């Protein structure tokens, strides 16, 4: 079932979200300091292609907190808004509710991704 959900997910906005994450990752990787942030974007681009069946666990340290502060200022807020808007659009229909929930999961993750593990 999760395979079918992931296939439909790509058609319902997952590809757009994944491209956005990959573009943000490329922008972060332009500078040496931004490479760890860019690598995180590429992880989310991969997650955006197939979010069904994956769980996110919390963790982190002081370094994660500092990285999250830079992240939310430069990348997190626009990405979270994009995912939230796509989630709201999909939740308008009954069929789109599971996909909207995945976009809300990505929006929450977009605000503070460091210190989180994708399983």
C-alpha atoms as a PDB file:
ATOM      1  CA  UNK A   1       0.000   0.000   0.000  1.00  0.00           C
ATOM      2  CA  UNK A   2       2.832   2.411   0.793  1.00  0.00           C
ATOM      3  CA  UNK A   3       4.291   1.850  -2.699  1.00  0.00           C
ATOM      4  CA  UNK A   4       1.009   2.881  -4.309  1.00  0.00           C
ATOM      5  CA  UNK A   5       0.812   5.868  -1.960  1.00  0.00           C
ATOM      6  CA  UNK A   6       4.340   6.943  -2.905  1.00  0.00           C
ATOM      7  CA  UNK A   7       3.562   6.670  -6.632  1.00  0.00           C
ATOM      8  CA  UNK A   8       0.435   8.786  -6.245  1.00  0.00           C
ATOM      9  CA  UNK A   9       2.374  11.137  -3.973  1.00  0.00           C
ATOM     10  CA  UNK A  10       4.812  11.995  -6.756  1.00  0.00           C
ATOM     11  CA  UNK A  11       1.894  12.956  -8.979  1.00  0.00           C
ATOM     12  CA  UNK A  12       0.153  15.003  -6.258  1.00  0.00           C
ATOM     13  CA  UNK A  13       3.019  17.372  -5.519  1.00  0.00           C
ATOM     14  CA  UNK A  14       5.850  15.221  -4.232  1.00  0.00           C
ATOM     15  CA  UNK A  15       7.949  15.881  -7.319  1.00  0.00           C
ATOM     16  CA  UNK A  16       7.510  19.663  -6.940  1.00  0.00           C
ATOM     17  CA  UNK A  17       8.507  19.454  -3.286  1.00  0.00           C
ATOM     18  CA  UNK A  18      11.515  17.289  -4.084  1.00  0.00           C
ATOM     19  CA  UNK A  19      12.735  19.696  -6.769  1.00  0.00           C
ATOM     20  CA  UNK A  20      12.365  22.604  -4.317  1.00  0.00           C
ATOM     21  CA  UNK A  21      14.453  20.780  -1.728  1.00  0.00           C
ATOM     22  CA  UNK A  22      17.129  19.871  -4.272  1.00  0.00           C
ATOM     23  CA  UNK A  23      17.328  23.485  -5.487  1.00  0.00           C
ATOM     24  CA  UNK A  24      17.686  24.738  -1.898  1.00  0.00           C
ATOM     25  CA  UNK A  25      20.432  22.150  -1.358  1.00  0.00           C
ATOM     26  CA  UNK A  26      22.311  23.381  -4.415  1.00  0.00           C
ATOM     27  CA  UNK A  27      22.095  26.959  -3.171  1.00  0.00           C
ATOM     28  CA  UNK A  28      23.424  25.976   0.271  1.00  0.00           C
ATOM     29  CA  UNK A  29      26.299  23.977  -1.230  1.00  0.00           C
ATOM     30  CA  UNK A  30      27.671  27.055  -3.014  1.00  0.00           C
ATOM     31  CA  UNK A  31      29.508  27.996   0.179  1.00  0.00           C
ATOM     32  CA  UNK A  32      31.710  25.694   2.201  1.00  0.00           C
ATOM     33  CA  UNK A  33      29.939  26.628   5.433  1.00  0.00           C
ATOM     34  CA  UNK A  34      26.548  25.755   3.918  1.00  0.00           C
ATOM     35  CA  UNK A  35      27.460  22.229   2.790  1.00  0.00           C
ATOM     36  CA  UNK A  36      26.029  20.496   5.912  1.00  0.00           C
ATOM     37  CA  UNK A  37      22.799  22.434   5.412  1.00  0.00           C
ATOM     38  CA  UNK A  38      22.778  21.489   1.728  1.00  0.00           C
ATOM     39  CA  UNK A  39      23.252  17.819   2.562  1.00  0.00           C
ATOM     40  CA  UNK A  40      20.198  18.024   4.813  1.00  0.00           C
ATOM     41  CA  UNK A  41      18.210  19.483   1.895  1.00  0.00           C
ATOM     42  CA  UNK A  42      19.191  16.547  -0.288  1.00  0.00           C
ATOM     43  CA  UNK A  43      17.956  14.136   2.416  1.00  0.00           C
ATOM     44  CA  UNK A  44      14.606  15.923   2.358  1.00  0.00           C
ATOM     45  CA  UNK A  45      14.505  15.837  -1.431  1.00  0.00           C
ATOM     46  CA  UNK A  46      14.812  12.056  -1.182  1.00  0.00           C
ATOM     47  CA  UNK A  47      12.176  11.942   1.564  1.00  0.00           C
ATOM     48  CA  UNK A  48       9.851  14.127  -0.520  1.00  0.00           C
ATOM     49  CA  UNK A  49       9.822  11.515  -3.267  1.00  0.00           C
ATOM     50  CA  UNK A  50       8.664   8.694  -0.991  1.00  0.00           C
ATOM     51  CA  UNK A  51       7.369   9.807   2.446  1.00  0.00           C
ATOM     52  CA  UNK A  52       4.892   6.989   3.059  1.00  0.00           C
ATOM     53  CA  UNK A  53       6.205   4.331   5.422  1.00  0.00           C
ATOM     54  CA  UNK A  54       8.922   6.558   6.883  1.00  0.00           C
ATOM     55  CA  UNK A  55       9.055   7.803  10.462  1.00  0.00           C
ATOM     56  CA  UNK A  56      10.966  10.733  11.941  1.00  0.00           C
ATOM     57  CA  UNK A  57      12.667  10.466  15.323  1.00  0.00           C
ATOM     58  CA  UNK A  58      13.814  13.401  17.436  1.00  0.00           C
ATOM     59  CA  UNK A  59      17.272  13.842  18.865  1.00  0.00           C
ATOM     60  CA  UNK A  60      19.876  16.552  18.690  1.00  0.00           C
ATOM     61  CA  UNK A  61      22.395  18.641  20.522  1.00  0.00           C
ATOM     62  CA  UNK A  62      23.505  22.245  20.880  1.00  0.00           C
ATOM     63  CA  UNK A  63      25.072  22.135  17.414  1.00  0.00           C
ATOM     64  CA  UNK A  64      21.705  21.045  15.999  1.00  0.00           C
ATOM     65  CA  UNK A  65      20.034  23.999  17.700  1.00  0.00           C
ATOM     66  CA  UNK A  66      22.468  26.481  16.162  1.00  0.00           C
ATOM     67  CA  UNK A  67      22.074  24.881  12.725  1.00  0.00           C
ATOM     68  CA  UNK A  68      18.272  25.016  13.093  1.00  0.00           C
ATOM     69  CA  UNK A  69      18.431  28.754  13.842  1.00  0.00           C
ATOM     70  CA  UNK A  70      20.359  29.454  10.632  1.00  0.00           C
ATOM     71  CA  UNK A  71      18.092  27.042   8.790  1.00  0.00           C
ATOM     72  CA  UNK A  72      14.799  28.629   9.823  1.00  0.00           C
ATOM     73  CA  UNK A  73      16.015  32.119   8.912  1.00  0.00           C
ATOM     74  CA  UNK A  74      17.270  31.309   5.429  1.00  0.00           C
ATOM     75  CA  UNK A  75      15.444  28.181   4.244  1.00  0.00           C
ATOM     76  CA  UNK A  76      13.040  26.739   6.785  1.00  0.00           C
ATOM     77  CA  UNK A  77      10.249  29.277   6.730  1.00  0.00           C
ATOM     78  CA  UNK A  78       9.754  29.392   2.935  1.00  0.00           C
ATOM     79  CA  UNK A  79       9.914  25.597   2.659  1.00  0.00           C
ATOM     80  CA  UNK A  80       7.503  25.130   5.559  1.00  0.00           C
ATOM     81  CA  UNK A  81       5.056  27.578   3.991  1.00  0.00           C
ATOM     82  CA  UNK A  82       5.287  25.800   0.630  1.00  0.00           C
ATOM     83  CA  UNK A  83       4.568  22.418   2.216  1.00  0.00           C
ATOM     84  CA  UNK A  84       1.759  23.786   4.388  1.00  0.00           C
ATOM     85  CA  UNK A  85       0.032  25.441   1.420  1.00  0.00           C
ATOM     86  CA  UNK A  86       0.296  22.253  -0.654  1.00  0.00           C
ATOM     87  CA  UNK A  87      -1.069  20.297   2.321  1.00  0.00           C
ATOM     88  CA  UNK A  88      -4.026  22.643   2.672  1.00  0.00           C
ATOM     89  CA  UNK A  89      -4.800  22.423  -1.042  1.00  0.00           C
ATOM     90  CA  UNK A  90      -4.776  18.643  -0.942  1.00  0.00           C
ATOM     91  CA  UNK A  91      -6.936  18.460   2.193  1.00  0.00           C
ATOM     92  CA  UNK A  92      -9.781  20.202   0.373  1.00  0.00           C
ATOM     93  CA  UNK A  93     -10.773  16.852  -1.120  1.00  0.00           C
ATOM     94  CA  UNK A  94     -11.325  13.650   0.826  1.00  0.00           C
ATOM     95  CA  UNK A  95      -8.996  11.726  -1.489  1.00  0.00           C
ATOM     96  CA  UNK A  96      -6.163  14.204  -0.891  1.00  0.00           C
ATOM     97  CA  UNK A  97      -6.227  14.086   2.922  1.00  0.00           C
ATOM     98  CA  UNK A  98      -3.491  11.404   3.294  1.00  0.00           C
ATOM     99  CA  UNK A  99      -1.265  13.386   0.957  1.00  0.00           C
ATOM    100  CA  UNK A 100      -2.026  16.606   2.820  1.00  0.00           C
ATOM    101  CA  UNK A 101      -0.996  14.936   6.072  1.00  0.00           C
ATOM    102  CA  UNK A 102       2.368  14.025   4.528  1.00  0.00           C
ATOM    103  CA  UNK A 103       2.864  17.628   3.438  1.00  0.00           C
ATOM    104  CA  UNK A 104       2.112  18.780   6.990  1.00  0.00           C
ATOM    105  CA  UNK A 105       4.702  16.281   8.271  1.00  0.00           C
ATOM    106  CA  UNK A 106       7.226  17.783   5.847  1.00  0.00           C
ATOM    107  CA  UNK A 107       6.236  21.322   6.858  1.00  0.00           C
ATOM    108  CA  UNK A 108       6.902  20.537  10.512  1.00  0.00           C
ATOM    109  CA  UNK A 109      10.206  18.956   9.582  1.00  0.00           C
ATOM    110  CA  UNK A 110      11.085  21.979   7.419  1.00  0.00           C
ATOM    111  CA  UNK A 111      11.158  24.261  10.442  1.00  0.00           C
ATOM    112  CA  UNK A 112      13.777  22.346  12.448  1.00  0.00           C
ATOM    113  CA  UNK A 113      15.367  19.461  10.527  1.00  0.00           C
ATOM    114  CA  UNK A 114      18.634  19.129  12.412  1.00  0.00           C
ATOM    115  CA  UNK A 115      18.662  16.565  15.179  1.00  0.00           C
ATOM    116  CA  UNK A 116      16.012  14.487  13.408  1.00  0.00           C
ATOM    117  CA  UNK A 117      16.526  11.022  11.932  1.00  0.00           C
ATOM    118  CA  UNK A 118      14.510   9.554   9.088  1.00  0.00           C
ATOM    119  CA  UNK A 119      13.735   5.856   9.454  1.00  0.00           C
END
